[in-house]
């Protein structure tokens, strides 16, 4: 129970940061701010209460709102597994020290910029409820708006989902295409998708996943992507 609430609190904090950055960049009106619309969709996906969403937008609109920066760190986990560590922070000096400490204490090492990222492709990822959707028709429609990959998946609770991926440069085009069809994604985010996976024996894979879990528990860490098979 504690772990579930801890994860929920982390999700809410992450989305509150997303809302803050979106409002600061594009204003508090979701109709004219696609990034804020995405953040609000993602808030609904994790059942973040509407009053918390509204409060986050109001805080972000104030003069005393926290200034967050998105900082990306590249690293290697044990056994050569590549990591992309995405953070949203108001203090990059603190964040890099904490990320380096977690990585090195778990037999990994931070890498120089560009030495890991070439193994990943930054993509826009939309997760959809398949109910009422003609998959073949939607796929053909979205191909004209930047769709690169389309398939079935399952959510955290085992529920069926459709996953649409595009090059990050086409994120806005795909979002607008879905909105034109009145399809509201369960979530809409960018991900670093590995171009190749590395398989490890179970014991070694667990070492990598333990490091990923410790990074994800850090308040400044937004997401961790890896190429573990």
C-alpha atoms as a PDB file:
ATOM      1  CA  UNK A   1       0.000   0.000   0.000  1.00  0.00           C
ATOM      2  CA  UNK A   2       2.783   2.440   0.946  1.00  0.00           C
ATOM      3  CA  UNK A   3       4.643   1.728  -2.295  1.00  0.00           C
ATOM      4  CA  UNK A   4       1.490   2.391  -4.341  1.00  0.00           C
ATOM      5  CA  UNK A   5       0.858   5.737  -2.619  1.00  0.00           C
ATOM      6  CA  UNK A   6       4.523   6.650  -2.949  1.00  0.00           C
ATOM      7  CA  UNK A   7       4.361   5.968  -6.699  1.00  0.00           C
ATOM      8  CA  UNK A   8       1.167   8.015  -6.998  1.00  0.00           C
ATOM      9  CA  UNK A   9       2.740  10.953  -5.163  1.00  0.00           C
ATOM     10  CA  UNK A  10       5.727  10.774  -7.501  1.00  0.00           C
ATOM     11  CA  UNK A  11       3.430  10.759 -10.557  1.00  0.00           C
ATOM     12  CA  UNK A  12       1.485  13.766  -9.257  1.00  0.00           C
ATOM     13  CA  UNK A  13       4.700  15.687  -8.546  1.00  0.00           C
ATOM     14  CA  UNK A  14       6.024  14.901 -12.011  1.00  0.00           C
ATOM     15  CA  UNK A  15       2.859  16.114 -13.706  1.00  0.00           C
ATOM     16  CA  UNK A  16       2.773  19.251 -11.555  1.00  0.00           C
ATOM     17  CA  UNK A  17       6.267  20.050 -12.885  1.00  0.00           C
ATOM     18  CA  UNK A  18       5.094  19.362 -16.444  1.00  0.00           C
ATOM     19  CA  UNK A  19       2.178  21.743 -15.919  1.00  0.00           C
ATOM     20  CA  UNK A  20       4.490  24.423 -14.511  1.00  0.00           C
ATOM     21  CA  UNK A  21       6.881  24.201 -17.475  1.00  0.00           C
ATOM     22  CA  UNK A  22       4.000  24.146 -19.970  1.00  0.00           C
ATOM     23  CA  UNK A  23       2.264  27.183 -18.452  1.00  0.00           C
ATOM     24  CA  UNK A  24       5.496  29.177 -18.256  1.00  0.00           C
ATOM     25  CA  UNK A  25       6.247  28.390 -21.900  1.00  0.00           C
ATOM     26  CA  UNK A  26       2.775  28.781 -23.411  1.00  0.00           C
ATOM     27  CA  UNK A  27       0.326  30.303 -20.939  1.00  0.00           C
ATOM     28  CA  UNK A  28      -2.473  28.893 -18.747  1.00  0.00           C
ATOM     29  CA  UNK A  29      -5.101  28.309 -21.474  1.00  0.00           C
ATOM     30  CA  UNK A  30      -5.046  24.656 -22.598  1.00  0.00           C
ATOM     31  CA  UNK A  31      -6.948  25.542 -25.795  1.00  0.00           C
ATOM     32  CA  UNK A  32      -3.951  27.507 -27.079  1.00  0.00           C
ATOM     33  CA  UNK A  33      -1.240  25.491 -25.304  1.00  0.00           C
ATOM     34  CA  UNK A  34      -0.747  21.944 -26.673  1.00  0.00           C
ATOM     35  CA  UNK A  35       1.892  21.120 -24.047  1.00  0.00           C
ATOM     36  CA  UNK A  36      -0.546  22.000 -21.264  1.00  0.00           C
ATOM     37  CA  UNK A  37      -3.256  19.889 -22.920  1.00  0.00           C
ATOM     38  CA  UNK A  38      -0.852  16.936 -22.936  1.00  0.00           C
ATOM     39  CA  UNK A  39       0.034  17.466 -19.278  1.00  0.00           C
ATOM     40  CA  UNK A  40      -3.658  17.597 -18.344  1.00  0.00           C
ATOM     41  CA  UNK A  41      -4.345  14.391 -20.309  1.00  0.00           C
ATOM     42  CA  UNK A  42      -1.510  12.688 -18.473  1.00  0.00           C
ATOM     43  CA  UNK A  43      -2.909  13.945 -15.166  1.00  0.00           C
ATOM     44  CA  UNK A  44      -6.214  12.246 -15.951  1.00  0.00           C
ATOM     45  CA  UNK A  45      -4.367   9.052 -16.870  1.00  0.00           C
ATOM     46  CA  UNK A  46      -2.956   8.765 -13.329  1.00  0.00           C
ATOM     47  CA  UNK A  47      -6.212   9.934 -11.674  1.00  0.00           C
ATOM     48  CA  UNK A  48      -4.727  13.195 -10.434  1.00  0.00           C
ATOM     49  CA  UNK A  49      -7.643  15.126  -8.859  1.00  0.00           C
ATOM     50  CA  UNK A  50      -8.912  18.105 -10.863  1.00  0.00           C
ATOM     51  CA  UNK A  51      -8.405  20.469  -7.932  1.00  0.00           C
ATOM     52  CA  UNK A  52      -4.712  19.545  -7.828  1.00  0.00           C
ATOM     53  CA  UNK A  53      -4.417  20.166 -11.577  1.00  0.00           C
ATOM     54  CA  UNK A  54      -6.168  23.545 -11.268  1.00  0.00           C
ATOM     55  CA  UNK A  55      -3.957  24.483  -8.307  1.00  0.00           C
ATOM     56  CA  UNK A  56      -0.822  23.581 -10.279  1.00  0.00           C
ATOM     57  CA  UNK A  57      -1.931  25.777 -13.202  1.00  0.00           C
ATOM     58  CA  UNK A  58      -2.693  28.663 -10.820  1.00  0.00           C
ATOM     59  CA  UNK A  59       0.686  28.328  -9.082  1.00  0.00           C
ATOM     60  CA  UNK A  60       2.485  28.175 -12.415  1.00  0.00           C
ATOM     61  CA  UNK A  61       0.760  31.407 -13.495  1.00  0.00           C
ATOM     62  CA  UNK A  62       2.064  33.322 -10.479  1.00  0.00           C
ATOM     63  CA  UNK A  63       5.210  35.408 -10.341  1.00  0.00           C
ATOM     64  CA  UNK A  64       6.712  33.183  -7.644  1.00  0.00           C
ATOM     65  CA  UNK A  65       6.372  29.967  -9.644  1.00  0.00           C
ATOM     66  CA  UNK A  66       9.403  27.683  -9.553  1.00  0.00           C
ATOM     67  CA  UNK A  67      11.597  27.716 -12.645  1.00  0.00           C
ATOM     68  CA  UNK A  68      12.297  24.131 -13.696  1.00  0.00           C
ATOM     69  CA  UNK A  69      14.873  23.104 -16.271  1.00  0.00           C
ATOM     70  CA  UNK A  70      14.809  19.855 -18.175  1.00  0.00           C
ATOM     71  CA  UNK A  71      18.267  18.295 -18.015  1.00  0.00           C
ATOM     72  CA  UNK A  72      19.183  15.009 -19.665  1.00  0.00           C
ATOM     73  CA  UNK A  73      21.980  12.812 -18.319  1.00  0.00           C
ATOM     74  CA  UNK A  74      23.578   9.890 -20.114  1.00  0.00           C
ATOM     75  CA  UNK A  75      25.015   6.976 -18.164  1.00  0.00           C
ATOM     76  CA  UNK A  76      25.970   3.344 -18.187  1.00  0.00           C
ATOM     77  CA  UNK A  77      24.459   0.932 -15.693  1.00  0.00           C
ATOM     78  CA  UNK A  78      26.282  -2.261 -14.654  1.00  0.00           C
ATOM     79  CA  UNK A  79      27.067  -4.705 -17.475  1.00  0.00           C
ATOM     80  CA  UNK A  80      27.139  -1.985 -20.135  1.00  0.00           C
ATOM     81  CA  UNK A  81      23.435  -1.159 -20.199  1.00  0.00           C
ATOM     82  CA  UNK A  82      22.818   2.326 -21.607  1.00  0.00           C
ATOM     83  CA  UNK A  83      20.699   4.799 -19.625  1.00  0.00           C
ATOM     84  CA  UNK A  84      19.027   8.074 -20.541  1.00  0.00           C
ATOM     85  CA  UNK A  85      18.049   9.916 -17.352  1.00  0.00           C
ATOM     86  CA  UNK A  86      15.603  12.766 -17.818  1.00  0.00           C
ATOM     87  CA  UNK A  87      15.244  15.285 -14.999  1.00  0.00           C
ATOM     88  CA  UNK A  88      13.195  18.393 -14.260  1.00  0.00           C
ATOM     89  CA  UNK A  89      15.006  20.489 -11.681  1.00  0.00           C
ATOM     90  CA  UNK A  90      15.245  23.928 -10.121  1.00  0.00           C
ATOM     91  CA  UNK A  91      18.859  23.220  -9.115  1.00  0.00           C
ATOM     92  CA  UNK A  92      20.960  21.382 -11.754  1.00  0.00           C
ATOM     93  CA  UNK A  93      24.040  21.418  -9.499  1.00  0.00           C
ATOM     94  CA  UNK A  94      22.189  19.452  -6.832  1.00  0.00           C
ATOM     95  CA  UNK A  95      20.604  17.132  -9.365  1.00  0.00           C
ATOM     96  CA  UNK A  96      23.799  16.121 -11.169  1.00  0.00           C
ATOM     97  CA  UNK A  97      25.476  15.397  -7.823  1.00  0.00           C
ATOM     98  CA  UNK A  98      22.572  13.211  -6.680  1.00  0.00           C
ATOM     99  CA  UNK A  99      22.299  11.376 -10.017  1.00  0.00           C
ATOM    100  CA  UNK A 100      26.059  10.751 -10.114  1.00  0.00           C
ATOM    101  CA  UNK A 101      25.995   9.464  -6.531  1.00  0.00           C
ATOM    102  CA  UNK A 102      23.176   7.000  -7.248  1.00  0.00           C
ATOM    103  CA  UNK A 103      24.789   5.743 -10.458  1.00  0.00           C
ATOM    104  CA  UNK A 104      28.305   5.298  -9.094  1.00  0.00           C
ATOM    105  CA  UNK A 105      27.128   3.643  -5.867  1.00  0.00           C
ATOM    106  CA  UNK A 106      25.366   1.049  -8.012  1.00  0.00           C
ATOM    107  CA  UNK A 107      28.385   0.167 -10.174  1.00  0.00           C
ATOM    108  CA  UNK A 108      27.529   2.466 -13.055  1.00  0.00           C
ATOM    109  CA  UNK A 109      29.035   5.687 -14.352  1.00  0.00           C
ATOM    110  CA  UNK A 110      27.845   8.954 -15.843  1.00  0.00           C
ATOM    111  CA  UNK A 111      28.846   9.378 -19.479  1.00  0.00           C
ATOM    112  CA  UNK A 112      29.669  12.373 -21.623  1.00  0.00           C
ATOM    113  CA  UNK A 113      26.942  13.946 -23.737  1.00  0.00           C
ATOM    114  CA  UNK A 114      26.401  12.015 -26.960  1.00  0.00           C
ATOM    115  CA  UNK A 115      28.217   8.871 -25.875  1.00  0.00           C
ATOM    116  CA  UNK A 116      24.963   7.056 -25.009  1.00  0.00           C
ATOM    117  CA  UNK A 117      22.195   8.947 -26.800  1.00  0.00           C
ATOM    118  CA  UNK A 118      23.153   7.621 -30.242  1.00  0.00           C
ATOM    119  CA  UNK A 119      21.729   4.273 -29.090  1.00  0.00           C
ATOM    120  CA  UNK A 120      18.251   5.788 -28.680  1.00  0.00           C
ATOM    121  CA  UNK A 121      15.678   7.538 -30.831  1.00  0.00           C
ATOM    122  CA  UNK A 122      13.561  10.280 -29.281  1.00  0.00           C
ATOM    123  CA  UNK A 123       9.942   9.585 -30.202  1.00  0.00           C
ATOM    124  CA  UNK A 124       6.475  10.878 -29.430  1.00  0.00           C
ATOM    125  CA  UNK A 125       4.371   8.145 -27.836  1.00  0.00           C
ATOM    126  CA  UNK A 126       0.583   8.199 -27.590  1.00  0.00           C
ATOM    127  CA  UNK A 127      -1.262   5.517 -25.616  1.00  0.00           C
ATOM    128  CA  UNK A 128      -4.904   5.085 -26.594  1.00  0.00           C
ATOM    129  CA  UNK A 129      -7.963   3.252 -25.302  1.00  0.00           C
ATOM    130  CA  UNK A 130      -8.804   0.820 -28.149  1.00  0.00           C
ATOM    131  CA  UNK A 131     -12.537   0.831 -27.377  1.00  0.00           C
ATOM    132  CA  UNK A 132     -14.509   2.011 -30.397  1.00  0.00           C
ATOM    133  CA  UNK A 133     -11.435   2.466 -32.585  1.00  0.00           C
ATOM    134  CA  UNK A 134     -11.057   0.868 -36.013  1.00  0.00           C
ATOM    135  CA  UNK A 135      -7.340   0.140 -35.760  1.00  0.00           C
ATOM    136  CA  UNK A 136      -6.669  -0.301 -39.478  1.00  0.00           C
ATOM    137  CA  UNK A 137      -8.531   2.886 -40.372  1.00  0.00           C
ATOM    138  CA  UNK A 138      -6.779   4.907 -37.667  1.00  0.00           C
ATOM    139  CA  UNK A 139      -3.350   3.604 -38.657  1.00  0.00           C
ATOM    140  CA  UNK A 140      -3.868   4.583 -42.307  1.00  0.00           C
ATOM    141  CA  UNK A 141      -5.092   8.031 -41.248  1.00  0.00           C
ATOM    142  CA  UNK A 142      -2.185   8.664 -38.876  1.00  0.00           C
ATOM    143  CA  UNK A 143       0.481   7.596 -41.381  1.00  0.00           C
ATOM    144  CA  UNK A 144      -0.230  10.854 -43.218  1.00  0.00           C
ATOM    145  CA  UNK A 145       0.495  12.752 -39.986  1.00  0.00           C
ATOM    146  CA  UNK A 146       3.867  11.264 -39.076  1.00  0.00           C
ATOM    147  CA  UNK A 147       2.992   7.860 -37.602  1.00  0.00           C
ATOM    148  CA  UNK A 148       5.998   5.491 -37.606  1.00  0.00           C
ATOM    149  CA  UNK A 149       4.901   2.606 -35.357  1.00  0.00           C
ATOM    150  CA  UNK A 150       1.456   1.388 -34.321  1.00  0.00           C
ATOM    151  CA  UNK A 151       0.580  -1.637 -32.226  1.00  0.00           C
ATOM    152  CA  UNK A 152      -1.125  -3.173 -29.241  1.00  0.00           C
ATOM    153  CA  UNK A 153       0.178  -3.128 -25.673  1.00  0.00           C
ATOM    154  CA  UNK A 154      -1.023  -3.401 -22.091  1.00  0.00           C
ATOM    155  CA  UNK A 155      -1.115  -0.768 -19.365  1.00  0.00           C
ATOM    156  CA  UNK A 156       0.168  -0.997 -15.802  1.00  0.00           C
ATOM    157  CA  UNK A 157      -3.038  -2.724 -14.701  1.00  0.00           C
ATOM    158  CA  UNK A 158      -3.066  -5.137 -17.648  1.00  0.00           C
ATOM    159  CA  UNK A 159      -5.671  -3.193 -19.609  1.00  0.00           C
ATOM    160  CA  UNK A 160      -5.405  -3.235 -23.434  1.00  0.00           C
ATOM    161  CA  UNK A 161      -3.929  -0.171 -25.097  1.00  0.00           C
ATOM    162  CA  UNK A 162      -2.961   0.993 -28.559  1.00  0.00           C
ATOM    163  CA  UNK A 163       0.444   2.642 -28.871  1.00  0.00           C
ATOM    164  CA  UNK A 164       1.219   5.128 -31.644  1.00  0.00           C
ATOM    165  CA  UNK A 165       4.801   6.353 -32.080  1.00  0.00           C
ATOM    166  CA  UNK A 166       6.210   9.112 -34.262  1.00  0.00           C
ATOM    167  CA  UNK A 167       9.475  10.979 -34.652  1.00  0.00           C
ATOM    168  CA  UNK A 168       9.628  13.630 -31.939  1.00  0.00           C
ATOM    169  CA  UNK A 169       9.583  16.345 -34.614  1.00  0.00           C
ATOM    170  CA  UNK A 170       6.103  15.121 -35.621  1.00  0.00           C
ATOM    171  CA  UNK A 171       4.690  15.103 -32.072  1.00  0.00           C
ATOM    172  CA  UNK A 172       2.490  18.147 -32.658  1.00  0.00           C
ATOM    173  CA  UNK A 173       1.194  16.861 -35.993  1.00  0.00           C
ATOM    174  CA  UNK A 174       0.152  13.528 -34.504  1.00  0.00           C
ATOM    175  CA  UNK A 175      -1.442  15.178 -31.479  1.00  0.00           C
ATOM    176  CA  UNK A 176      -3.496  17.468 -33.733  1.00  0.00           C
ATOM    177  CA  UNK A 177      -4.513  14.516 -35.937  1.00  0.00           C
ATOM    178  CA  UNK A 178      -5.817  12.604 -32.920  1.00  0.00           C
ATOM    179  CA  UNK A 179      -7.648  15.682 -31.642  1.00  0.00           C
ATOM    180  CA  UNK A 180      -9.268  16.127 -35.071  1.00  0.00           C
ATOM    181  CA  UNK A 181     -10.664  12.595 -34.692  1.00  0.00           C
ATOM    182  CA  UNK A 182     -11.801  13.491 -31.140  1.00  0.00           C
ATOM    183  CA  UNK A 183      -9.521  10.795 -29.743  1.00  0.00           C
ATOM    184  CA  UNK A 184      -8.212  11.682 -26.285  1.00  0.00           C
ATOM    185  CA  UNK A 185      -5.031   9.711 -25.497  1.00  0.00           C
ATOM    186  CA  UNK A 186      -4.619   7.978 -22.164  1.00  0.00           C
ATOM    187  CA  UNK A 187      -1.183   9.603 -22.163  1.00  0.00           C
ATOM    188  CA  UNK A 188       0.968  11.566 -24.593  1.00  0.00           C
ATOM    189  CA  UNK A 189       4.683  11.783 -23.887  1.00  0.00           C
ATOM    190  CA  UNK A 190       8.086  11.544 -25.474  1.00  0.00           C
ATOM    191  CA  UNK A 191      10.308   8.553 -24.863  1.00  0.00           C
ATOM    192  CA  UNK A 192      13.857   7.561 -25.717  1.00  0.00           C
ATOM    193  CA  UNK A 193      13.363   4.291 -27.563  1.00  0.00           C
ATOM    194  CA  UNK A 194      16.479   2.062 -27.863  1.00  0.00           C
ATOM    195  CA  UNK A 195      17.516   1.129 -31.379  1.00  0.00           C
ATOM    196  CA  UNK A 196      18.836  -2.219 -30.086  1.00  0.00           C
ATOM    197  CA  UNK A 197      18.280  -4.166 -26.861  1.00  0.00           C
ATOM    198  CA  UNK A 198      20.835  -6.004 -24.735  1.00  0.00           C
ATOM    199  CA  UNK A 199      19.803  -9.199 -22.967  1.00  0.00           C
ATOM    200  CA  UNK A 200      21.338 -10.138 -19.612  1.00  0.00           C
ATOM    201  CA  UNK A 201      21.022 -13.104 -17.246  1.00  0.00           C
ATOM    202  CA  UNK A 202      18.356 -12.551 -14.605  1.00  0.00           C
ATOM    203  CA  UNK A 203      20.741 -11.718 -11.756  1.00  0.00           C
ATOM    204  CA  UNK A 204      22.565  -9.078 -13.816  1.00  0.00           C
ATOM    205  CA  UNK A 205      19.304  -7.668 -15.175  1.00  0.00           C
ATOM    206  CA  UNK A 206      18.055  -7.268 -11.608  1.00  0.00           C
ATOM    207  CA  UNK A 207      21.156  -5.204 -10.752  1.00  0.00           C
ATOM    208  CA  UNK A 208      20.319  -2.844 -13.606  1.00  0.00           C
ATOM    209  CA  UNK A 209      16.652  -2.612 -12.621  1.00  0.00           C
ATOM    210  CA  UNK A 210      17.625  -1.896  -9.011  1.00  0.00           C
ATOM    211  CA  UNK A 211      19.648   1.097 -10.209  1.00  0.00           C
ATOM    212  CA  UNK A 212      16.767   2.295 -12.405  1.00  0.00           C
ATOM    213  CA  UNK A 213      14.400   2.029  -9.424  1.00  0.00           C
ATOM    214  CA  UNK A 214      16.713   4.082  -7.186  1.00  0.00           C
ATOM    215  CA  UNK A 215      17.020   6.771  -9.855  1.00  0.00           C
ATOM    216  CA  UNK A 216      13.253   6.911 -10.320  1.00  0.00           C
ATOM    217  CA  UNK A 217      12.802   7.468  -6.581  1.00  0.00           C
ATOM    218  CA  UNK A 218      14.792  10.709  -6.796  1.00  0.00           C
ATOM    219  CA  UNK A 219      12.500  13.757  -6.711  1.00  0.00           C
ATOM    220  CA  UNK A 220      14.256  15.454  -9.633  1.00  0.00           C
ATOM    221  CA  UNK A 221      14.273  12.430 -11.941  1.00  0.00           C
ATOM    222  CA  UNK A 222      11.432  12.531 -14.443  1.00  0.00           C
ATOM    223  CA  UNK A 223      12.008   9.321 -16.423  1.00  0.00           C
ATOM    224  CA  UNK A 224      14.699   6.699 -16.959  1.00  0.00           C
ATOM    225  CA  UNK A 225      15.065   4.913 -20.303  1.00  0.00           C
ATOM    226  CA  UNK A 226      17.333   1.913 -20.925  1.00  0.00           C
ATOM    227  CA  UNK A 227      18.195  -0.667 -23.568  1.00  0.00           C
ATOM    228  CA  UNK A 228      17.877  -3.741 -21.356  1.00  0.00           C
ATOM    229  CA  UNK A 229      16.047  -6.442 -23.302  1.00  0.00           C
END
